[in-house]
Amino acid sequence: MTTITFDTHEFFNELKSAGFSELQAETITKLQKAAVSSTLEQARLEFDLDNISTKRDLKELELRLTIKMGAMLSLAVAIIAALVKLL
């Protein structure tokens, strides 16, 4: 599964440059990291993100189905030709 990164160092530095003390910036960064992690975990579970199909998965499935349909069509033509020959 693809992960979403949260740049805590950049977030911390932005808070410091906005006038927060080091302790405040560190605490807010920890809380924000926990909130992001919790939200992503909840979304992963709620929307079953571990079982999402990608475009590549769908293309591979389409190829397999096309091959199977071609094989079935060839078999059907062969059966019809054999029946015509027998009759």
PDB file of N, CA and C in Angstrom:
ATOM      1  N   MET A   1       0.845  -1.174   0.000  1.00  0.00           N
ATOM      2  CA  MET A   1       0.000   0.000   0.000  1.00  0.00           C
ATOM      3  C   MET A   1       0.892   1.240   0.000  1.00  0.00           C
ATOM      4  N   THR A   2       0.470   2.246  -0.722  1.00  0.00           N
ATOM      5  CA  THR A   2       1.195   3.499  -0.777  1.00  0.00           C
ATOM      6  C   THR A   2       1.032   4.243   0.546  1.00  0.00           C
ATOM      7  N   THR A   3       2.133   4.835   0.999  1.00  0.00           N
ATOM      8  CA  THR A   3       2.065   5.585   2.246  1.00  0.00           C
ATOM      9  C   THR A   3       2.123   7.080   1.956  1.00  0.00           C
ATOM     10  N   ILE A   4       1.530   7.832   2.837  1.00  0.00           N
ATOM     11  CA  ILE A   4       1.572   9.288   2.749  1.00  0.00           C
ATOM     12  C   ILE A   4       2.522   9.763   3.838  1.00  0.00           C
ATOM     13  N   THR A   5       3.504  10.547   3.450  1.00  0.00           N
ATOM     14  CA  THR A   5       4.490  11.000   4.427  1.00  0.00           C
ATOM     15  C   THR A   5       4.088  12.365   4.982  1.00  0.00           C
ATOM     16  N   PHE A   6       4.432  12.565   6.219  1.00  0.00           N
ATOM     17  CA  PHE A   6       4.210  13.837   6.894  1.00  0.00           C
ATOM     18  C   PHE A   6       5.573  14.329   7.355  1.00  0.00           C
ATOM     19  N   ASP A   7       6.039  15.411   6.781  1.00  0.00           N
ATOM     20  CA  ASP A   7       7.363  15.943   7.079  1.00  0.00           C
ATOM     21  C   ASP A   7       7.326  16.697   8.414  1.00  0.00           C
ATOM     22  N   THR A   8       7.636  15.965   9.479  1.00  0.00           N
ATOM     23  CA  THR A   8       7.575  16.563  10.812  1.00  0.00           C
ATOM     24  C   THR A   8       8.645  17.639  11.006  1.00  0.00           C
ATOM     25  N   HIS A   9       9.792  17.452  10.362  1.00  0.00           N
ATOM     26  CA  HIS A   9      10.877  18.435  10.502  1.00  0.00           C
ATOM     27  C   HIS A   9      10.443  19.785   9.909  1.00  0.00           C
ATOM     28  N   GLU A  10       9.866  19.740   8.710  1.00  0.00           N
ATOM     29  CA  GLU A  10       9.408  20.973   8.075  1.00  0.00           C
ATOM     30  C   GLU A  10       8.271  21.613   8.881  1.00  0.00           C
ATOM     31  N   PHE A  11       7.347  20.775   9.368  1.00  0.00           N
ATOM     32  CA  PHE A  11       6.230  21.269  10.171  1.00  0.00           C
ATOM     33  C   PHE A  11       6.751  21.956  11.437  1.00  0.00           C
ATOM     34  N   PHE A  12       7.703  21.304  12.098  1.00  0.00           N
ATOM     35  CA  PHE A  12       8.328  21.849  13.307  1.00  0.00           C
ATOM     36  C   PHE A  12       8.979  23.199  13.011  1.00  0.00           C
ATOM     37  N   ASN A  13       9.748  23.261  11.922  1.00  0.00           N
ATOM     38  CA  ASN A  13      10.436  24.502  11.560  1.00  0.00           C
ATOM     39  C   ASN A  13       9.453  25.628  11.234  1.00  0.00           C
ATOM     40  N   GLU A  14       8.344  25.287  10.573  1.00  0.00           N
ATOM     41  CA  GLU A  14       7.324  26.298  10.261  1.00  0.00           C
ATOM     42  C   GLU A  14       6.716  26.862  11.543  1.00  0.00           C
ATOM     43  N   LEU A  15       6.449  25.976  12.499  1.00  0.00           N
ATOM     44  CA  LEU A  15       5.906  26.444  13.781  1.00  0.00           C
ATOM     45  C   LEU A  15       6.909  27.349  14.496  1.00  0.00           C
ATOM     46  N   LYS A  16       8.178  26.950  14.491  1.00  0.00           N
ATOM     47  CA  LYS A  16       9.222  27.767  15.140  1.00  0.00           C
ATOM     48  C   LYS A  16       9.323  29.133  14.477  1.00  0.00           C
ATOM     49  N   SER A  17       9.283  29.150  13.137  1.00  0.00           N
ATOM     50  CA  SER A  17       9.415  30.427  12.442  1.00  0.00           C
ATOM     51  C   SER A  17       8.169  31.298  12.617  1.00  0.00           C
ATOM     52  N   ALA A  18       7.044  30.681  12.989  1.00  0.00           N
ATOM     53  CA  ALA A  18       5.816  31.443  13.239  1.00  0.00           C
ATOM     54  C   ALA A  18       5.770  31.988  14.663  1.00  0.00           C
ATOM     55  N   GLY A  19       6.794  31.664  15.472  1.00  0.00           N
ATOM     56  CA  GLY A  19       6.874  32.239  16.806  1.00  0.00           C
ATOM     57  C   GLY A  19       6.579  31.279  17.950  1.00  0.00           C
ATOM     58  N   PHE A  20       6.347  30.009  17.649  1.00  0.00           N
ATOM     59  CA  PHE A  20       6.125  29.037  18.720  1.00  0.00           C
ATOM     60  C   PHE A  20       7.456  28.684  19.376  1.00  0.00           C
ATOM     61  N   SER A  21       7.411  28.393  20.667  1.00  0.00           N
ATOM     62  CA  SER A  21       8.631  27.962  21.354  1.00  0.00           C
ATOM     63  C   SER A  21       8.974  26.553  20.872  1.00  0.00           C
ATOM     64  N   GLU A  22      10.177  26.108  21.183  1.00  0.00           N
ATOM     65  CA  GLU A  22      10.599  24.767  20.766  1.00  0.00           C
ATOM     66  C   GLU A  22       9.705  23.699  21.382  1.00  0.00           C
ATOM     67  N   LEU A  23       9.365  23.865  22.656  1.00  0.00           N
ATOM     68  CA  LEU A  23       8.500  22.895  23.332  1.00  0.00           C
ATOM     69  C   LEU A  23       7.101  22.877  22.709  1.00  0.00           C
ATOM     70  N   GLN A  24       6.559  24.065  22.431  1.00  0.00           N
ATOM     71  CA  GLN A  24       5.235  24.143  21.801  1.00  0.00           C
ATOM     72  C   GLN A  24       5.262  23.505  20.409  1.00  0.00           C
ATOM     73  N   ALA A  25       6.274  23.838  19.623  1.00  0.00           N
ATOM     74  CA  ALA A  25       6.384  23.304  18.264  1.00  0.00           C
ATOM     75  C   ALA A  25       6.523  21.789  18.293  1.00  0.00           C
ATOM     76  N   GLU A  26       7.310  21.277  19.224  1.00  0.00           N
ATOM     77  CA  GLU A  26       7.502  19.826  19.332  1.00  0.00           C
ATOM     78  C   GLU A  26       6.195  19.130  19.723  1.00  0.00           C
ATOM     79  N   THR A  27       5.479  19.691  20.677  1.00  0.00           N
ATOM     80  CA  THR A  27       4.219  19.106  21.135  1.00  0.00           C
ATOM     81  C   THR A  27       3.171  19.118  20.032  1.00  0.00           C
ATOM     82  N   ILE A  28       3.027  20.243  19.348  1.00  0.00           N
ATOM     83  CA  ILE A  28       2.050  20.347  18.262  1.00  0.00           C
ATOM     84  C   ILE A  28       2.409  19.381  17.133  1.00  0.00           C
ATOM     85  N   THR A  29       3.696  19.257  16.836  1.00  0.00           N
ATOM     86  CA  THR A  29       4.142  18.347  15.778  1.00  0.00           C
ATOM     87  C   THR A  29       3.792  16.906  16.125  1.00  0.00           C
ATOM     88  N   LYS A  30       4.032  16.503  17.378  1.00  0.00           N
ATOM     89  CA  LYS A  30       3.694  15.145  17.805  1.00  0.00           C
ATOM     90  C   LYS A  30       2.190  14.892  17.695  1.00  0.00           C
ATOM     91  N   LEU A  31       1.393  15.863  18.150  1.00  0.00           N
ATOM     92  CA  LEU A  31      -0.062  15.723  18.079  1.00  0.00           C
ATOM     93  C   LEU A  31      -0.553  15.662  16.631  1.00  0.00           C
ATOM     94  N   GLN A  32       0.026  16.492  15.782  1.00  0.00           N
ATOM     95  CA  GLN A  32      -0.368  16.503  14.368  1.00  0.00           C
ATOM     96  C   GLN A  32      -0.001  15.173  13.697  1.00  0.00           C
ATOM     97  N   LYS A  33       1.175  14.665  14.013  1.00  0.00           N
ATOM     98  CA  LYS A  33       1.614  13.381  13.443  1.00  0.00           C
ATOM     99  C   LYS A  33       0.664  12.263  13.871  1.00  0.00           C
ATOM    100  N   ALA A  34       0.264  12.269  15.143  1.00  0.00           N
ATOM    101  CA  ALA A  34      -0.661  11.246  15.640  1.00  0.00           C
ATOM    102  C   ALA A  34      -2.031  11.389  14.968  1.00  0.00           C
ATOM    103  N   ALA A  35      -2.484  12.609  14.772  1.00  0.00           N
ATOM    104  CA  ALA A  35      -3.784  12.840  14.127  1.00  0.00           C
ATOM    105  C   ALA A  35      -3.773  12.372  12.680  1.00  0.00           C
ATOM    106  N   VAL A  36      -2.712  12.675  11.966  1.00  0.00           N
ATOM    107  CA  VAL A  36      -2.589  12.244  10.567  1.00  0.00           C
ATOM    108  C   VAL A  36      -2.560  10.720  10.493  1.00  0.00           C
ATOM    109  N   SER A  37      -1.772  10.114  11.352  1.00  0.00           N
ATOM    110  CA  SER A  37      -1.660   8.655  11.368  1.00  0.00           C
ATOM    111  C   SER A  37      -3.007   8.000  11.676  1.00  0.00           C
ATOM    112  N   SER A  38      -3.701   8.524  12.656  1.00  0.00           N
ATOM    113  CA  SER A  38      -5.004   7.991  13.048  1.00  0.00           C
ATOM    114  C   SER A  38      -6.025   8.141  11.929  1.00  0.00           C
ATOM    115  N   THR A  39      -6.038   9.287  11.281  1.00  0.00           N
ATOM    116  CA  THR A  39      -6.972   9.541  10.190  1.00  0.00           C
ATOM    117  C   THR A  39      -6.712   8.598   9.023  1.00  0.00           C
ATOM    118  N   LEU A  40      -5.449   8.414   8.672  1.00  0.00           N
ATOM    119  CA  LEU A  40      -5.110   7.511   7.569  1.00  0.00           C
ATOM    120  C   LEU A  40      -5.468   6.069   7.896  1.00  0.00           C
ATOM    121  N   GLU A  41      -5.231   5.655   9.126  1.00  0.00           N
ATOM    122  CA  GLU A  41      -5.570   4.289   9.535  1.00  0.00           C
ATOM    123  C   GLU A  41      -7.083   4.080   9.492  1.00  0.00           C
ATOM    124  N   GLN A  42      -7.831   5.065   9.954  1.00  0.00           N
ATOM    125  CA  GLN A  42      -9.286   4.972   9.924  1.00  0.00           C
ATOM    126  C   GLN A  42      -9.789   4.886   8.485  1.00  0.00           C
ATOM    127  N   ALA A  43      -9.232   5.701   7.600  1.00  0.00           N
ATOM    128  CA  ALA A  43      -9.635   5.674   6.187  1.00  0.00           C
ATOM    129  C   ALA A  43      -9.270   4.335   5.555  1.00  0.00           C
ATOM    130  N   ARG A  44      -8.091   3.808   5.895  1.00  0.00           N
ATOM    131  CA  ARG A  44      -7.649   2.520   5.349  1.00  0.00           C
ATOM    132  C   ARG A  44      -8.626   1.416   5.733  1.00  0.00           C
ATOM    133  N   LEU A  45      -9.060   1.418   6.979  1.00  0.00           N
ATOM    134  CA  LEU A  45      -9.984   0.389   7.443  1.00  0.00           C
ATOM    135  C   LEU A  45     -11.393   0.613   6.901  1.00  0.00           C
ATOM    136  N   GLU A  46     -11.847   1.860   6.936  1.00  0.00           N
ATOM    137  CA  GLU A  46     -13.219   2.168   6.527  1.00  0.00           C
ATOM    138  C   GLU A  46     -13.448   1.928   5.040  1.00  0.00           C
ATOM    139  N   PHE A  47     -12.466   2.276   4.228  1.00  0.00           N
ATOM    140  CA  PHE A  47     -12.625   2.152   2.778  1.00  0.00           C
ATOM    141  C   PHE A  47     -11.895   0.943   2.206  1.00  0.00           C
ATOM    142  N   ASP A  48     -11.367   0.074   3.076  1.00  0.00           N
ATOM    143  CA  ASP A  48     -10.684  -1.155   2.659  1.00  0.00           C
ATOM    144  C   ASP A  48      -9.614  -0.847   1.612  1.00  0.00           C
ATOM    145  N   LEU A  49      -8.764   0.127   1.911  1.00  0.00           N
ATOM    146  CA  LEU A  49      -7.763   0.592   0.961  1.00  0.00           C
ATOM    147  C   LEU A  49      -6.685  -0.446   0.646  1.00  0.00           C
ATOM    148  N   ASP A  50      -6.578  -1.487   1.468  1.00  0.00           N
ATOM    149  CA  ASP A  50      -5.585  -2.523   1.187  1.00  0.00           C
ATOM    150  C   ASP A  50      -5.989  -3.379  -0.012  1.00  0.00           C
ATOM    151  N   ASN A  51      -7.267  -3.359  -0.373  1.00  0.00           N
ATOM    152  CA  ASN A  51      -7.749  -4.204  -1.468  1.00  0.00           C
ATOM    153  C   ASN A  51      -8.201  -3.409  -2.682  1.00  0.00           C
ATOM    154  N   ILE A  52      -7.641  -2.233  -2.855  1.00  0.00           N
ATOM    155  CA  ILE A  52      -8.004  -1.406  -4.007  1.00  0.00           C
ATOM    156  C   ILE A  52      -7.261  -1.909  -5.243  1.00  0.00           C
ATOM    157  N   SER A  53      -7.947  -1.931  -6.368  1.00  0.00           N
ATOM    158  CA  SER A  53      -7.330  -2.337  -7.633  1.00  0.00           C
ATOM    159  C   SER A  53      -6.728  -1.113  -8.311  1.00  0.00           C
ATOM    160  N   THR A  54      -5.574  -1.317  -8.910  1.00  0.00           N
ATOM    161  CA  THR A  54      -4.925  -0.233  -9.647  1.00  0.00           C
ATOM    162  C   THR A  54      -5.273  -0.363 -11.129  1.00  0.00           C
ATOM    163  N   LYS A  55      -4.937   0.649 -11.889  1.00  0.00           N
ATOM    164  CA  LYS A  55      -5.151   0.586 -13.335  1.00  0.00           C
ATOM    165  C   LYS A  55      -4.372  -0.580 -13.931  1.00  0.00           C
ATOM    166  N   ARG A  56      -3.191  -0.828 -13.415  1.00  0.00           N
ATOM    167  CA  ARG A  56      -2.376  -1.940 -13.911  1.00  0.00           C
ATOM    168  C   ARG A  56      -3.080  -3.275 -13.642  1.00  0.00           C
ATOM    169  N   ASP A  57      -3.651  -3.422 -12.452  1.00  0.00           N
ATOM    170  CA  ASP A  57      -4.400  -4.648 -12.131  1.00  0.00           C
ATOM    171  C   ASP A  57      -5.541  -4.852 -13.125  1.00  0.00           C
ATOM    172  N   LEU A  58      -6.253  -3.777 -13.420  1.00  0.00           N
ATOM    173  CA  LEU A  58      -7.383  -3.873 -14.339  1.00  0.00           C
ATOM    174  C   LEU A  58      -6.930  -4.195 -15.758  1.00  0.00           C
ATOM    175  N   LYS A  59      -5.809  -3.629 -16.201  1.00  0.00           N
ATOM    176  CA  LYS A  59      -5.276  -3.937 -17.535  1.00  0.00           C
ATOM    177  C   LYS A  59      -4.876  -5.408 -17.629  1.00  0.00           C
ATOM    178  N   GLU A  60      -4.235  -5.931 -16.570  1.00  0.00           N
ATOM    179  CA  GLU A  60      -3.850  -7.344 -16.563  1.00  0.00           C
ATOM    180  C   GLU A  60      -5.080  -8.239 -16.610  1.00  0.00           C
ATOM    181  N   LEU A  61      -6.115  -7.875 -15.872  1.00  0.00           N
ATOM    182  CA  LEU A  61      -7.360  -8.639 -15.883  1.00  0.00           C
ATOM    183  C   LEU A  61      -8.000  -8.601 -17.268  1.00  0.00           C
ATOM    184  N   GLU A  62      -7.996  -7.432 -17.885  1.00  0.00           N
ATOM    185  CA  GLU A  62      -8.562  -7.286 -19.224  1.00  0.00           C
ATOM    186  C   GLU A  62      -7.822  -8.178 -20.221  1.00  0.00           C
ATOM    187  N   LEU A  63      -6.498  -8.228 -20.125  1.00  0.00           N
ATOM    188  CA  LEU A  63      -5.705  -9.076 -21.016  1.00  0.00           C
ATOM    189  C   LEU A  63      -6.045 -10.548 -20.810  1.00  0.00           C
ATOM    190  N   ARG A  64      -6.129 -10.991 -19.563  1.00  0.00           N
ATOM    191  CA  ARG A  64      -6.462 -12.391 -19.277  1.00  0.00           C
ATOM    192  C   ARG A  64      -7.849 -12.740 -19.807  1.00  0.00           C
ATOM    193  N   LEU A  65      -8.802 -11.837 -19.624  1.00  0.00           N
ATOM    194  CA  LEU A  65     -10.154 -12.094 -20.119  1.00  0.00           C
ATOM    195  C   LEU A  65     -10.196 -12.139 -21.646  1.00  0.00           C
ATOM    196  N   THR A  66      -9.436 -11.272 -22.289  1.00  0.00           N
ATOM    197  CA  THR A  66      -9.380 -11.267 -23.754  1.00  0.00           C
ATOM    198  C   THR A  66      -8.814 -12.590 -24.264  1.00  0.00           C
ATOM    199  N   ILE A  67      -7.768 -13.077 -23.629  1.00  0.00           N
ATOM    200  CA  ILE A  67      -7.169 -14.355 -24.028  1.00  0.00           C
ATOM    201  C   ILE A  67      -8.168 -15.494 -23.830  1.00  0.00           C
ATOM    202  N   LYS A  68      -8.857 -15.502 -22.705  1.00  0.00           N
ATOM    203  CA  LYS A  68      -9.842 -16.561 -22.437  1.00  0.00           C
ATOM    204  C   LYS A  68     -10.996 -16.499 -23.434  1.00  0.00           C
ATOM    205  N   MET A  69     -11.473 -15.296 -23.733  1.00  0.00           N
ATOM    206  CA  MET A  69     -12.565 -15.160 -24.702  1.00  0.00           C
ATOM    207  C   MET A  69     -12.121 -15.622 -26.091  1.00  0.00           C
ATOM    208  N   GLY A  70     -10.895 -15.306 -26.466  1.00  0.00           N
ATOM    209  CA  GLY A  70     -10.360 -15.751 -27.755  1.00  0.00           C
ATOM    210  C   GLY A  70     -10.282 -17.265 -27.824  1.00  0.00           C
ATOM    211  N   ALA A  71      -9.842 -17.882 -26.738  1.00  0.00           N
ATOM    212  CA  ALA A  71      -9.758 -19.337 -26.697  1.00  0.00           C
ATOM    213  C   ALA A  71     -11.147 -19.960 -26.783  1.00  0.00           C
ATOM    214  N   MET A  72     -12.103 -19.393 -26.083  1.00  0.00           N
ATOM    215  CA  MET A  72     -13.466 -19.923 -26.122  1.00  0.00           C
ATOM    216  C   MET A  72     -14.076 -19.760 -27.518  1.00  0.00           C
ATOM    217  N   LEU A  73     -13.823 -18.638 -28.163  1.00  0.00           N
ATOM    218  CA  LEU A  73     -14.332 -18.403 -29.505  1.00  0.00           C
ATOM    219  C   LEU A  73     -13.719 -19.385 -30.493  1.00  0.00           C
ATOM    220  N   SER A  74     -12.424 -19.619 -30.375  1.00  0.00           N
ATOM    221  CA  SER A  74     -11.745 -20.585 -31.251  1.00  0.00           C
ATOM    222  C   SER A  74     -12.313 -21.978 -31.061  1.00  0.00           C
ATOM    223  N   LEU A  75     -12.547 -22.361 -29.833  1.00  0.00           N
ATOM    224  CA  LEU A  75     -13.122 -23.666 -29.537  1.00  0.00           C
ATOM    225  C   LEU A  75     -14.533 -23.781 -30.112  1.00  0.00           C
ATOM    226  N   ALA A  76     -15.321 -22.730 -29.984  1.00  0.00           N
ATOM    227  CA  ALA A  76     -16.683 -22.743 -30.523  1.00  0.00           C
ATOM    228  C   ALA A  76     -16.662 -22.888 -32.039  1.00  0.00           C
ATOM    229  N   VAL A  77     -15.762 -22.186 -32.710  1.00  0.00           N
ATOM    230  CA  VAL A  77     -15.638 -22.286 -34.170  1.00  0.00           C
ATOM    231  C   VAL A  77     -15.221 -23.699 -34.560  1.00  0.00           C
ATOM    232  N   ALA A  78     -14.290 -24.282 -33.829  1.00  0.00           N
ATOM    233  CA  ALA A  78     -13.843 -25.645 -34.117  1.00  0.00           C
ATOM    234  C   ALA A  78     -14.977 -26.648 -33.931  1.00  0.00           C
ATOM    235  N   ILE A  79     -15.762 -26.486 -32.908  1.00  0.00           N
ATOM    236  CA  ILE A  79     -16.895 -27.397 -32.652  1.00  0.00           C
ATOM    237  C   ILE A  79     -17.923 -27.265 -33.774  1.00  0.00           C
ATOM    238  N   ILE A  80     -18.230 -26.025 -34.174  1.00  0.00           N
ATOM    239  CA  ILE A  80     -19.200 -25.815 -35.252  1.00  0.00           C
ATOM    240  C   ILE A  80     -18.678 -26.411 -36.558  1.00  0.00           C
ATOM    241  N   ALA A  81     -17.393 -26.213 -36.843  1.00  0.00           N
ATOM    242  CA  ALA A  81     -16.813 -26.773 -38.063  1.00  0.00           C
ATOM    243  C   ALA A  81     -16.873 -28.295 -38.042  1.00  0.00           C
ATOM    244  N   ALA A  82     -16.606 -28.905 -36.893  1.00  0.00           N
ATOM    245  CA  ALA A  82     -16.678 -30.367 -36.784  1.00  0.00           C
ATOM    246  C   ALA A  82     -18.111 -30.849 -36.979  1.00  0.00           C
ATOM    247  N   LEU A  83     -19.069 -30.148 -36.410  1.00  0.00           N
ATOM    248  CA  LEU A  83     -20.467 -30.534 -36.569  1.00  0.00           C
ATOM    249  C   LEU A  83     -20.929 -30.393 -38.027  1.00  0.00           C
ATOM    250  N   VAL A  84     -20.519 -29.337 -38.693  1.00  0.00           N
ATOM    251  CA  VAL A  84     -20.876 -29.133 -40.094  1.00  0.00           C
ATOM    252  C   VAL A  84     -20.276 -30.246 -40.955  1.00  0.00           C
ATOM    253  N   LYS A  85     -19.049 -30.624 -40.660  1.00  0.00           N
ATOM    254  CA  LYS A  85     -18.374 -31.677 -41.414  1.00  0.00           C
ATOM    255  C   LYS A  85     -19.071 -33.016 -41.204  1.00  0.00           C
ATOM    256  N   LEU A  86     -19.564 -33.289 -40.011  1.00  0.00           N
ATOM    257  CA  LEU A  86     -20.244 -34.549 -39.714  1.00  0.00           C
ATOM    258  C   LEU A  86     -21.626 -34.609 -40.343  1.00  0.00           C
ATOM    259  N   LEU A  87     -22.254 -33.491 -40.483  1.00  0.00           N
ATOM    260  CA  LEU A  87     -23.624 -33.496 -41.032  1.00  0.00           C
ATOM    261  C   LEU A  87     -23.591 -33.384 -42.491  1.00  0.00           C
TER     262      LEU A  87
END
